[in-house]
Amino acid sequence: MRHESRADVSPRPGVGSTEDPPPRPDPERFARLFIDHAPELKRYVVRRLGLEPADDIVAETFAVALQRLESYDGRRGDERAWLYGIATNLIGRHRRREIGLYKALSRTGADAVIEPFTDEVEQRVVADGARRRLAKALAGLSRKHRDTLLLVTWAELTYEEAAVALGVPVGTVRSRVNRARSSLRRVLAGIDPTVADEG
């Protein structure tokens, strides 16, 4: 006679179970989220870490989002900010790589990561030699200040969206951005290349 283990006899969701099965993600909602946000999210990750880890981080960001999509509370804010929050947490695992990229840029001035995405303003900054100093300044910021500043400037999140992404109050975002910008201005002799709308 076979003895059944507890695992063998535990009820399946919906069959004699008092718990409801977890909600299934809406494939159309997920597809729309991916189509709307994956390209800009990848660009943001590439700017911070380079091409090599970007695809993996974007894929992992959306894998996490898929798992949590049905439980995401829209009252917390835009799903875009939520995605950037997930990506920022994943980028945090690569802090040494990010700092290494900034240090290399500060030494050489050559930026194969950002170059494909530069616009006319950034090219003028390069011409002035400020990009090297900017990279050095970014490397010198604490992770929380750098994450907050780059969400507001590179990802172009409002302060409110950055607060959702980071899980902190809006006042904390404002304070971190102000401190980060002050630090950059000191290194760049008064130039602030990160000026963005005050969200």
N, C-alpha and C. Protein backbone atom coordinates (compact mmCIF):
# COMPACT_ATOMS: atom_id res chain seq x y z
N MET A 1 0.83 -1.19 0.00
CA MET A 1 0.00 0.00 0.00
C MET A 1 0.87 1.25 0.00
N ARG A 2 0.57 2.17 -0.88
CA ARG A 2 1.38 3.38 -1.01
C ARG A 2 0.96 4.40 0.02
N HIS A 3 1.95 5.00 0.70
CA HIS A 3 1.68 6.07 1.66
C HIS A 3 1.85 7.40 0.96
N GLU A 4 0.82 8.20 1.04
CA GLU A 4 0.88 9.51 0.39
C GLU A 4 1.53 10.52 1.32
N SER A 5 2.41 11.33 0.76
CA SER A 5 3.03 12.39 1.56
C SER A 5 2.04 13.54 1.67
N ARG A 6 2.33 14.46 2.55
CA ARG A 6 1.49 15.64 2.67
C ARG A 6 1.42 16.40 1.34
N ALA A 7 2.56 16.43 0.63
CA ALA A 7 2.58 17.14 -0.65
C ALA A 7 1.64 16.47 -1.65
N ASP A 8 1.53 15.12 -1.55
CA ASP A 8 0.66 14.40 -2.48
C ASP A 8 -0.81 14.74 -2.28
N VAL A 9 -1.20 15.02 -1.05
CA VAL A 9 -2.61 15.20 -0.77
C VAL A 9 -3.02 16.65 -0.55
N SER A 10 -2.07 17.57 -0.68
CA SER A 10 -2.44 18.98 -0.47
C SER A 10 -3.38 19.41 -1.59
N PRO A 11 -4.40 20.17 -1.26
CA PRO A 11 -5.38 20.55 -2.27
C PRO A 11 -4.78 21.46 -3.32
N ARG A 12 -5.22 21.25 -4.55
CA ARG A 12 -4.82 22.15 -5.63
C ARG A 12 -5.68 23.39 -5.54
N PRO A 13 -5.14 24.56 -5.97
CA PRO A 13 -5.96 25.78 -5.95
C PRO A 13 -7.26 25.56 -6.71
N GLY A 14 -8.35 25.90 -6.06
CA GLY A 14 -9.65 25.79 -6.70
C GLY A 14 -10.29 24.43 -6.54
N VAL A 15 -9.55 23.43 -5.99
CA VAL A 15 -10.11 22.10 -5.78
C VAL A 15 -10.06 21.80 -4.30
N GLY A 16 -11.13 22.04 -3.61
CA GLY A 16 -11.18 21.80 -2.17
C GLY A 16 -10.35 22.78 -1.38
N SER A 17 -9.89 23.82 -2.00
CA SER A 17 -9.05 24.80 -1.33
C SER A 17 -9.89 26.03 -1.01
N THR A 18 -9.59 26.64 0.14
CA THR A 18 -10.30 27.87 0.50
C THR A 18 -9.63 29.09 -0.11
N GLU A 19 -8.43 28.91 -0.67
CA GLU A 19 -7.72 30.03 -1.26
C GLU A 19 -8.04 30.11 -2.75
N ASP A 20 -8.17 31.34 -3.23
CA ASP A 20 -8.35 31.53 -4.65
C ASP A 20 -7.00 31.39 -5.34
N PRO A 21 -6.99 30.89 -6.58
CA PRO A 21 -5.72 30.83 -7.30
C PRO A 21 -5.24 32.25 -7.59
N PRO A 22 -3.92 32.42 -7.74
CA PRO A 22 -3.42 33.76 -8.03
C PRO A 22 -3.99 34.25 -9.35
N PRO A 23 -4.26 35.57 -9.46
CA PRO A 23 -4.80 36.09 -10.71
C PRO A 23 -3.81 35.92 -11.85
N ARG A 24 -4.33 35.65 -13.03
CA ARG A 24 -3.46 35.51 -14.21
C ARG A 24 -3.25 36.87 -14.84
N PRO A 25 -2.01 37.15 -15.24
CA PRO A 25 -1.76 38.45 -15.87
C PRO A 25 -2.51 38.57 -17.19
N ASP A 26 -2.94 39.75 -17.49
CA ASP A 26 -3.62 40.04 -18.74
C ASP A 26 -2.55 40.17 -19.83
N PRO A 27 -2.52 39.25 -20.80
CA PRO A 27 -1.45 39.29 -21.81
C PRO A 27 -1.45 40.57 -22.64
N GLU A 28 -2.64 41.13 -22.90
CA GLU A 28 -2.68 42.37 -23.69
C GLU A 28 -2.11 43.54 -22.90
N ARG A 29 -2.42 43.58 -21.62
CA ARG A 29 -1.89 44.65 -20.78
C ARG A 29 -0.36 44.56 -20.70
N PHE A 30 0.14 43.32 -20.55
CA PHE A 30 1.58 43.13 -20.46
C PHE A 30 2.25 43.49 -21.78
N ALA A 31 1.66 43.06 -22.89
CA ALA A 31 2.24 43.36 -24.21
C ALA A 31 2.29 44.87 -24.44
N ARG A 32 1.22 45.57 -24.05
CA ARG A 32 1.19 47.03 -24.20
C ARG A 32 2.28 47.68 -23.35
N LEU A 33 2.45 47.18 -22.12
CA LEU A 33 3.47 47.70 -21.22
C LEU A 33 4.86 47.51 -21.84
N PHE A 34 5.09 46.34 -22.41
CA PHE A 34 6.39 46.05 -23.00
C PHE A 34 6.63 46.93 -24.22
N ILE A 35 5.66 47.00 -25.12
CA ILE A 35 5.81 47.79 -26.34
C ILE A 35 6.02 49.27 -26.02
N ASP A 36 5.27 49.77 -25.05
CA ASP A 36 5.34 51.19 -24.70
C ASP A 36 6.63 51.58 -24.00
N HIS A 37 7.21 50.66 -23.22
CA HIS A 37 8.30 51.08 -22.33
C HIS A 37 9.64 50.37 -22.52
N ALA A 38 9.69 49.22 -23.16
CA ALA A 38 10.95 48.47 -23.26
C ALA A 38 12.05 49.26 -23.97
N PRO A 39 11.78 49.93 -25.10
CA PRO A 39 12.89 50.62 -25.79
C PRO A 39 13.52 51.72 -24.93
N GLU A 40 12.69 52.57 -24.30
CA GLU A 40 13.28 53.66 -23.50
C GLU A 40 13.93 53.12 -22.24
N LEU A 41 13.38 52.04 -21.69
CA LEU A 41 13.99 51.43 -20.50
C LEU A 41 15.36 50.86 -20.86
N LYS A 42 15.46 50.22 -22.03
CA LYS A 42 16.76 49.69 -22.45
C LYS A 42 17.77 50.81 -22.63
N ARG A 43 17.35 51.89 -23.26
CA ARG A 43 18.25 53.02 -23.45
C ARG A 43 18.79 53.52 -22.11
N TYR A 44 17.91 53.62 -21.13
CA TYR A 44 18.31 54.07 -19.79
C TYR A 44 19.34 53.11 -19.19
N VAL A 45 19.10 51.80 -19.29
CA VAL A 45 20.02 50.82 -18.72
C VAL A 45 21.35 50.85 -19.46
N VAL A 46 21.31 50.99 -20.78
CA VAL A 46 22.55 51.06 -21.56
C VAL A 46 23.38 52.26 -21.12
N ARG A 47 22.72 53.40 -20.90
CA ARG A 47 23.46 54.60 -20.47
C ARG A 47 24.14 54.37 -19.13
N ARG A 48 23.53 53.57 -18.29
CA ARG A 48 24.10 53.36 -16.95
C ARG A 48 25.11 52.22 -16.90
N LEU A 49 24.91 51.16 -17.69
CA LEU A 49 25.74 49.97 -17.54
C LEU A 49 26.43 49.50 -18.81
N GLY A 50 26.06 50.02 -19.94
CA GLY A 50 26.63 49.52 -21.19
C GLY A 50 25.70 48.51 -21.84
N LEU A 51 26.08 48.10 -23.06
CA LEU A 51 25.23 47.21 -23.84
C LEU A 51 25.13 45.80 -23.28
N GLU A 52 26.24 45.29 -22.78
CA GLU A 52 26.29 43.86 -22.41
C GLU A 52 25.18 43.42 -21.45
N PRO A 53 24.99 44.07 -20.31
CA PRO A 53 23.95 43.58 -19.40
C PRO A 53 22.54 44.13 -19.66
N ALA A 54 22.41 45.05 -20.62
CA ALA A 54 21.14 45.75 -20.77
C ALA A 54 19.98 44.83 -21.13
N ASP A 55 20.19 43.94 -22.10
CA ASP A 55 19.10 43.04 -22.50
C ASP A 55 18.64 42.18 -21.34
N ASP A 56 19.60 41.67 -20.58
CA ASP A 56 19.24 40.82 -19.44
C ASP A 56 18.46 41.59 -18.38
N ILE A 57 18.89 42.82 -18.11
CA ILE A 57 18.21 43.60 -17.08
C ILE A 57 16.81 43.99 -17.53
N VAL A 58 16.66 44.36 -18.79
CA VAL A 58 15.32 44.69 -19.29
C VAL A 58 14.43 43.46 -19.25
N ALA A 59 14.96 42.31 -19.68
CA ALA A 59 14.17 41.08 -19.64
C ALA A 59 13.77 40.73 -18.20
N GLU A 60 14.71 40.87 -17.27
CA GLU A 60 14.40 40.56 -15.88
C GLU A 60 13.40 41.56 -15.30
N THR A 61 13.51 42.82 -15.71
CA THR A 61 12.55 43.83 -15.26
C THR A 61 11.14 43.43 -15.66
N PHE A 62 10.97 43.01 -16.90
CA PHE A 62 9.63 42.63 -17.37
C PHE A 62 9.19 41.29 -16.81
N ALA A 63 10.13 40.41 -16.48
CA ALA A 63 9.76 39.15 -15.83
C ALA A 63 9.19 39.43 -14.44
N VAL A 64 9.84 40.33 -13.72
CA VAL A 64 9.33 40.72 -12.39
C VAL A 64 7.98 41.41 -12.54
N ALA A 65 7.88 42.29 -13.53
CA ALA A 65 6.62 43.01 -13.75
C ALA A 65 5.49 42.05 -14.08
N LEU A 66 5.78 41.03 -14.87
CA LEU A 66 4.75 40.05 -15.23
C LEU A 66 4.23 39.33 -13.99
N GLN A 67 5.14 38.97 -13.09
CA GLN A 67 4.75 38.28 -11.86
C GLN A 67 3.87 39.15 -10.97
N ARG A 68 4.11 40.45 -11.00
CA ARG A 68 3.43 41.35 -10.06
C ARG A 68 2.36 42.23 -10.70
N LEU A 69 2.16 42.08 -12.00
CA LEU A 69 1.31 43.01 -12.74
C LEU A 69 -0.12 43.06 -12.21
N GLU A 70 -0.71 41.92 -11.95
CA GLU A 70 -2.11 41.90 -11.52
C GLU A 70 -2.30 42.47 -10.12
N SER A 71 -1.23 42.43 -9.33
CA SER A 71 -1.36 42.97 -7.96
C SER A 71 -0.89 44.42 -7.88
N TYR A 72 -0.40 44.99 -9.01
CA TYR A 72 0.07 46.37 -8.97
C TYR A 72 -1.11 47.31 -8.77
N ASP A 73 -0.98 48.17 -7.81
CA ASP A 73 -2.03 49.13 -7.48
C ASP A 73 -1.81 50.42 -8.27
N GLY A 74 -2.67 50.66 -9.24
CA GLY A 74 -2.54 51.84 -10.09
C GLY A 74 -2.62 53.15 -9.34
N ARG A 75 -3.16 53.12 -8.13
CA ARG A 75 -3.22 54.36 -7.34
C ARG A 75 -1.84 54.81 -6.90
N ARG A 76 -0.87 53.90 -6.95
CA ARG A 76 0.51 54.26 -6.58
C ARG A 76 1.17 55.13 -7.64
N GLY A 77 0.64 55.09 -8.85
CA GLY A 77 1.22 55.92 -9.90
C GLY A 77 1.33 55.16 -11.20
N ASP A 78 1.94 55.81 -12.14
CA ASP A 78 2.11 55.29 -13.48
C ASP A 78 2.93 54.00 -13.47
N GLU A 79 2.57 53.05 -14.34
CA GLU A 79 3.33 51.79 -14.43
C GLU A 79 4.75 52.04 -14.94
N ARG A 80 4.94 53.12 -15.69
CA ARG A 80 6.28 53.45 -16.19
C ARG A 80 7.24 53.68 -15.02
N ALA A 81 6.81 54.44 -14.04
CA ALA A 81 7.66 54.69 -12.87
C ALA A 81 7.94 53.39 -12.14
N TRP A 82 6.94 52.54 -12.04
CA TRP A 82 7.09 51.24 -11.38
C TRP A 82 8.17 50.41 -12.09
N LEU A 83 8.14 50.39 -13.43
CA LEU A 83 9.14 49.64 -14.19
C LEU A 83 10.54 50.19 -13.95
N TYR A 84 10.68 51.51 -13.92
CA TYR A 84 11.99 52.10 -13.67
C TYR A 84 12.48 51.77 -12.25
N GLY A 85 11.55 51.65 -11.32
CA GLY A 85 11.94 51.25 -9.98
C GLY A 85 12.50 49.84 -9.95
N ILE A 86 11.85 48.93 -10.66
CA ILE A 86 12.35 47.55 -10.75
C ILE A 86 13.73 47.54 -11.40
N ALA A 87 13.86 48.25 -12.53
CA ALA A 87 15.13 48.28 -13.25
C ALA A 87 16.24 48.89 -12.39
N THR A 88 15.91 49.95 -11.65
CA THR A 88 16.91 50.60 -10.79
C THR A 88 17.41 49.64 -9.72
N ASN A 89 16.51 48.86 -9.14
CA ASN A 89 16.94 47.85 -8.16
C ASN A 89 17.87 46.82 -8.80
N LEU A 90 17.56 46.41 -10.02
CA LEU A 90 18.41 45.43 -10.71
C LEU A 90 19.75 46.05 -11.09
N ILE A 91 19.75 47.32 -11.50
CA ILE A 91 20.99 48.02 -11.82
C ILE A 91 21.90 48.06 -10.58
N GLY A 92 21.28 48.18 -9.41
CA GLY A 92 22.06 48.23 -8.17
C GLY A 92 22.96 47.03 -7.97
N ARG A 93 22.61 45.91 -8.55
CA ARG A 93 23.46 44.71 -8.45
C ARG A 93 24.73 44.85 -9.28
N HIS A 94 24.76 45.85 -10.15
CA HIS A 94 25.89 46.05 -11.06
C HIS A 94 26.63 47.34 -10.75
N ARG A 95 26.60 47.76 -9.50
CA ARG A 95 27.17 49.05 -9.11
C ARG A 95 28.64 49.18 -9.51
N ARG A 96 29.42 48.11 -9.32
CA ARG A 96 30.85 48.18 -9.63
C ARG A 96 31.07 48.41 -11.13
N ARG A 97 30.25 47.77 -11.95
CA ARG A 97 30.37 47.96 -13.40
C ARG A 97 30.06 49.41 -13.77
N GLU A 98 28.98 49.95 -13.19
CA GLU A 98 28.59 51.32 -13.49
C GLU A 98 29.69 52.31 -13.11
N ILE A 99 30.21 52.16 -11.90
CA ILE A 99 31.28 53.05 -11.44
C ILE A 99 32.51 52.90 -12.34
N GLY A 100 32.81 51.66 -12.75
CA GLY A 100 33.94 51.43 -13.65
C GLY A 100 33.78 52.15 -14.98
N LEU A 101 32.56 52.13 -15.52
CA LEU A 101 32.30 52.85 -16.78
C LEU A 101 32.51 54.35 -16.61
N TYR A 102 32.03 54.91 -15.51
CA TYR A 102 32.20 56.34 -15.28
C TYR A 102 33.68 56.70 -15.10
N LYS A 103 34.41 55.85 -14.39
CA LYS A 103 35.84 56.12 -14.18
C LYS A 103 36.61 56.04 -15.48
N ALA A 104 36.29 55.04 -16.32
CA ALA A 104 36.96 54.93 -17.62
C ALA A 104 36.66 56.14 -18.47
N LEU A 105 35.42 56.58 -18.47
CA LEU A 105 35.05 57.76 -19.24
C LEU A 105 35.77 59.00 -18.73
N SER A 106 35.91 59.10 -17.41
CA SER A 106 36.58 60.29 -16.86
C SER A 106 38.05 60.33 -17.25
N ARG A 107 38.66 59.14 -17.49
CA ARG A 107 40.06 59.09 -17.90
C ARG A 107 40.24 59.33 -19.40
N THR A 108 39.37 58.71 -20.21
CA THR A 108 39.60 58.71 -21.65
C THR A 108 38.74 59.71 -22.42
N GLY A 109 37.57 60.03 -21.89
CA GLY A 109 36.65 60.91 -22.60
C GLY A 109 35.87 60.19 -23.69
N ALA A 110 36.23 58.95 -24.00
CA ALA A 110 35.52 58.18 -25.03
C ALA A 110 34.40 57.39 -24.39
N ASP A 111 33.22 57.54 -24.93
CA ASP A 111 32.06 56.87 -24.35
C ASP A 111 31.29 56.11 -25.42
N ALA A 112 31.67 54.86 -25.61
CA ALA A 112 31.01 54.03 -26.61
C ALA A 112 29.58 53.70 -26.20
N VAL A 113 29.28 53.81 -24.92
CA VAL A 113 27.94 53.50 -24.43
C VAL A 113 26.95 54.60 -24.78
N ILE A 114 27.31 55.83 -24.47
CA ILE A 114 26.38 56.95 -24.65
C ILE A 114 26.43 57.50 -26.07
N GLU A 115 27.55 57.37 -26.74
CA GLU A 115 27.75 58.01 -28.04
C GLU A 115 26.61 57.78 -29.03
N PRO A 116 26.08 56.54 -29.15
CA PRO A 116 25.00 56.36 -30.13
C PRO A 116 23.74 57.16 -29.81
N PHE A 117 23.61 57.63 -28.57
CA PHE A 117 22.39 58.31 -28.15
C PHE A 117 22.58 59.81 -27.96
N THR A 118 23.75 60.31 -28.32
CA THR A 118 24.00 61.72 -28.05
C THR A 118 23.16 62.61 -28.94
N ASP A 119 22.85 63.76 -28.41
CA ASP A 119 22.18 64.78 -29.21
C ASP A 119 23.11 65.98 -29.29
N GLU A 120 22.65 67.03 -29.93
CA GLU A 120 23.50 68.19 -30.17
C GLU A 120 24.02 68.81 -28.88
N VAL A 121 23.16 68.89 -27.85
CA VAL A 121 23.59 69.48 -26.58
C VAL A 121 24.70 68.65 -25.96
N GLU A 122 24.51 67.32 -25.94
CA GLU A 122 25.54 66.46 -25.35
C GLU A 122 26.85 66.57 -26.14
N GLN A 123 26.77 66.71 -27.46
CA GLN A 123 27.99 66.83 -28.25
C GLN A 123 28.74 68.11 -27.91
N ARG A 124 28.01 69.17 -27.61
CA ARG A 124 28.68 70.40 -27.17
C ARG A 124 29.36 70.20 -25.82
N VAL A 125 28.69 69.43 -24.95
CA VAL A 125 29.30 69.14 -23.65
C VAL A 125 30.59 68.37 -23.84
N VAL A 126 30.58 67.40 -24.76
CA VAL A 126 31.80 66.64 -25.06
C VAL A 126 32.88 67.57 -25.55
N ALA A 127 32.50 68.49 -26.44
CA ALA A 127 33.49 69.41 -27.01
C ALA A 127 34.15 70.24 -25.92
N ASP A 128 33.40 70.56 -24.89
CA ASP A 128 33.95 71.34 -23.79
C ASP A 128 34.80 70.51 -22.84
N GLY A 129 34.80 69.21 -23.01
CA GLY A 129 35.56 68.35 -22.09
C GLY A 129 34.83 68.11 -20.79
N ALA A 130 33.59 68.57 -20.69
CA ALA A 130 32.85 68.43 -19.43
C ALA A 130 32.38 67.00 -19.19
N ARG A 131 32.25 66.22 -20.25
CA ARG A 131 31.75 64.85 -20.06
C ARG A 131 32.66 64.06 -19.13
N ARG A 132 33.97 64.24 -19.26
CA ARG A 132 34.89 63.53 -18.37
C ARG A 132 34.64 63.92 -16.91
N ARG A 133 34.49 65.22 -16.70
CA ARG A 133 34.26 65.68 -15.32
C ARG A 133 32.89 65.22 -14.82
N LEU A 134 31.91 65.18 -15.71
CA LEU A 134 30.58 64.70 -15.33
C LEU A 134 30.65 63.23 -14.92
N ALA A 135 31.35 62.42 -15.71
CA ALA A 135 31.48 61.00 -15.38
C ALA A 135 32.14 60.81 -14.02
N LYS A 136 33.18 61.60 -13.77
CA LYS A 136 33.87 61.51 -12.49
C LYS A 136 32.93 61.91 -11.35
N ALA A 137 32.15 62.95 -11.58
CA ALA A 137 31.21 63.41 -10.56
C ALA A 137 30.13 62.36 -10.30
N LEU A 138 29.60 61.73 -11.37
CA LEU A 138 28.59 60.69 -11.19
C LEU A 138 29.15 59.50 -10.41
N ALA A 139 30.39 59.15 -10.71
CA ALA A 139 31.03 58.04 -9.98
C ALA A 139 31.18 58.36 -8.50
N GLY A 140 31.32 59.64 -8.18
CA GLY A 140 31.50 60.05 -6.80
C GLY A 140 30.22 60.18 -5.99
N LEU A 141 29.07 60.15 -6.66
CA LEU A 141 27.80 60.25 -5.94
C LEU A 141 27.48 58.94 -5.23
N SER A 142 26.74 59.03 -4.15
CA SER A 142 26.25 57.80 -3.51
C SER A 142 25.23 57.15 -4.44
N ARG A 143 25.00 55.87 -4.26
CA ARG A 143 24.05 55.16 -5.13
C ARG A 143 22.67 55.81 -5.08
N LYS A 144 22.19 56.15 -3.89
CA LYS A 144 20.82 56.68 -3.79
C LYS A 144 20.71 58.04 -4.48
N HIS A 145 21.76 58.86 -4.39
CA HIS A 145 21.72 60.16 -5.07
C HIS A 145 21.84 59.99 -6.58
N ARG A 146 22.73 59.09 -7.02
CA ARG A 146 22.90 58.85 -8.46
C ARG A 146 21.61 58.25 -9.06
N ASP A 147 21.03 57.23 -8.40
CA ASP A 147 19.79 56.63 -8.90
C ASP A 147 18.70 57.68 -9.05
N THR A 148 18.54 58.52 -8.04
CA THR A 148 17.48 59.52 -8.05
C THR A 148 17.72 60.54 -9.15
N LEU A 149 18.93 61.07 -9.23
CA LEU A 149 19.25 62.06 -10.24
C LEU A 149 19.05 61.52 -11.65
N LEU A 150 19.51 60.29 -11.91
CA LEU A 150 19.43 59.75 -13.27
C LEU A 150 18.00 59.36 -13.65
N LEU A 151 17.19 58.98 -12.68
CA LEU A 151 15.78 58.73 -12.99
C LEU A 151 15.10 60.02 -13.43
N VAL A 152 15.46 61.13 -12.79
CA VAL A 152 14.84 62.42 -13.13
C VAL A 152 15.42 62.99 -14.42
N THR A 153 16.72 62.83 -14.65
CA THR A 153 17.34 63.47 -15.81
C THR A 153 17.39 62.55 -17.03
N TRP A 154 17.89 61.35 -16.89
CA TRP A 154 18.03 60.46 -18.05
C TRP A 154 16.72 59.76 -18.39
N ALA A 155 16.00 59.27 -17.38
CA ALA A 155 14.73 58.59 -17.64
C ALA A 155 13.58 59.59 -17.79
N GLU A 156 13.85 60.84 -17.41
CA GLU A 156 12.87 61.92 -17.51
C GLU A 156 11.59 61.65 -16.72
N LEU A 157 11.74 61.03 -15.54
CA LEU A 157 10.61 60.87 -14.65
C LEU A 157 10.37 62.17 -13.90
N THR A 158 9.13 62.46 -13.59
CA THR A 158 8.85 63.59 -12.71
C THR A 158 9.31 63.22 -11.31
N TYR A 159 9.35 64.21 -10.43
CA TYR A 159 9.73 63.90 -9.05
C TYR A 159 8.74 62.91 -8.43
N GLU A 160 7.47 63.08 -8.76
CA GLU A 160 6.45 62.18 -8.21
C GLU A 160 6.66 60.76 -8.73
N GLU A 161 6.97 60.62 -10.02
CA GLU A 161 7.23 59.29 -10.59
C GLU A 161 8.48 58.67 -9.99
N ALA A 162 9.52 59.47 -9.82
CA ALA A 162 10.76 58.96 -9.21
C ALA A 162 10.50 58.49 -7.78
N ALA A 163 9.64 59.21 -7.08
CA ALA A 163 9.28 58.80 -5.71
C ALA A 163 8.61 57.43 -5.72
N VAL A 164 7.72 57.20 -6.69
CA VAL A 164 7.07 55.89 -6.82
C VAL A 164 8.11 54.83 -7.16
N ALA A 165 8.99 55.14 -8.12
CA ALA A 165 10.00 54.18 -8.55
C ALA A 165 10.91 53.75 -7.41
N LEU A 166 11.25 54.69 -6.55
CA LEU A 166 12.21 54.42 -5.47
C LEU A 166 11.54 54.08 -4.15
N GLY A 167 10.22 54.28 -4.07
CA GLY A 167 9.52 53.98 -2.83
C GLY A 167 9.87 54.94 -1.70
N VAL A 168 10.06 56.21 -2.06
CA VAL A 168 10.40 57.23 -1.06
C VAL A 168 9.46 58.41 -1.24
N PRO A 169 9.36 59.29 -0.26
CA PRO A 169 8.52 60.49 -0.42
C PRO A 169 9.08 61.45 -1.48
N VAL A 170 8.21 62.26 -2.05
CA VAL A 170 8.62 63.23 -3.07
C VAL A 170 9.66 64.19 -2.50
N GLY A 171 9.50 64.58 -1.25
CA GLY A 171 10.47 65.48 -0.63
C GLY A 171 11.87 64.89 -0.61
N THR A 172 11.96 63.58 -0.42
CA THR A 172 13.26 62.91 -0.43
C THR A 172 13.88 62.98 -1.82
N VAL A 173 13.05 62.78 -2.84
CA VAL A 173 13.54 62.88 -4.22
C VAL A 173 14.08 64.29 -4.47
N ARG A 174 13.31 65.31 -4.09
CA ARG A 174 13.75 66.69 -4.30
C ARG A 174 15.08 66.96 -3.60
N SER A 175 15.19 66.50 -2.37
CA SER A 175 16.40 66.71 -1.59
C SER A 175 17.60 66.01 -2.24
N ARG A 176 17.41 64.76 -2.66
CA ARG A 176 18.51 64.02 -3.28
C ARG A 176 18.95 64.66 -4.59
N VAL A 177 17.99 65.08 -5.40
CA VAL A 177 18.33 65.70 -6.68
C VAL A 177 19.08 67.01 -6.44
N ASN A 178 18.61 67.81 -5.49
CA ASN A 178 19.29 69.08 -5.19
C ASN A 178 20.72 68.85 -4.72
N ARG A 179 20.89 67.87 -3.84
CA ARG A 179 22.25 67.58 -3.34
C ARG A 179 23.14 67.06 -4.46
N ALA A 180 22.59 66.16 -5.30
CA ALA A 180 23.39 65.62 -6.41
C ALA A 180 23.79 66.73 -7.38
N ARG A 181 22.85 67.60 -7.70
CA ARG A 181 23.16 68.70 -8.62
C ARG A 181 24.19 69.65 -8.02
N SER A 182 24.09 69.92 -6.74
CA SER A 182 25.09 70.77 -6.08
C SER A 182 26.46 70.15 -6.19
N SER A 183 26.53 68.85 -5.98
CA SER A 183 27.80 68.15 -6.08
C SER A 183 28.36 68.23 -7.50
N LEU A 184 27.49 68.04 -8.49
CA LEU A 184 27.93 68.12 -9.89
C LEU A 184 28.41 69.53 -10.23
N ARG A 185 27.69 70.54 -9.75
CA ARG A 185 28.09 71.93 -10.04
C ARG A 185 29.48 72.23 -9.45
N ARG A 186 29.75 71.68 -8.27
CA ARG A 186 31.09 71.89 -7.68
C ARG A 186 32.18 71.30 -8.56
N VAL A 187 31.95 70.08 -9.05
CA VAL A 187 32.94 69.41 -9.89
C VAL A 187 33.06 70.07 -11.26
N LEU A 188 31.93 70.57 -11.78
CA LEU A 188 31.90 71.13 -13.13
C LEU A 188 32.01 72.65 -13.15
N ALA A 189 32.52 73.21 -12.10
CA ALA A 189 32.75 74.66 -12.02
C ALA A 189 31.50 75.46 -12.32
N GLY A 190 30.40 75.08 -11.69
CA GLY A 190 29.18 75.85 -11.81
C GLY A 190 28.24 75.43 -12.92
N ILE A 191 28.69 74.55 -13.83
CA ILE A 191 27.82 74.09 -14.92
C ILE A 191 26.95 72.96 -14.38
N ASP A 192 25.65 72.99 -14.70
CA ASP A 192 24.76 71.89 -14.32
C ASP A 192 24.16 71.29 -15.58
N PRO A 193 24.74 70.16 -16.07
CA PRO A 193 24.23 69.55 -17.31
C PRO A 193 22.99 68.71 -17.10
N THR A 194 22.48 68.66 -15.88
CA THR A 194 21.34 67.78 -15.57
C THR A 194 20.06 68.55 -15.37
N VAL A 195 20.04 69.82 -15.73
CA VAL A 195 18.84 70.62 -15.50
C VAL A 195 17.67 69.98 -16.22
N ALA A 196 16.59 69.73 -15.45
CA ALA A 196 15.37 69.16 -16.00
C ALA A 196 14.21 69.88 -15.38
N ASP A 197 13.05 69.68 -15.94
CA ASP A 197 11.87 70.30 -15.35
C ASP A 197 11.71 69.84 -13.91
N GLU A 198 11.19 70.71 -13.12
CA GLU A 198 11.08 70.43 -11.70
C GLU A 198 9.92 69.53 -11.33
N GLY A 199 9.35 68.81 -12.31
CA GLY A 199 8.32 67.80 -12.06
C GLY A 199 7.30 68.22 -11.12
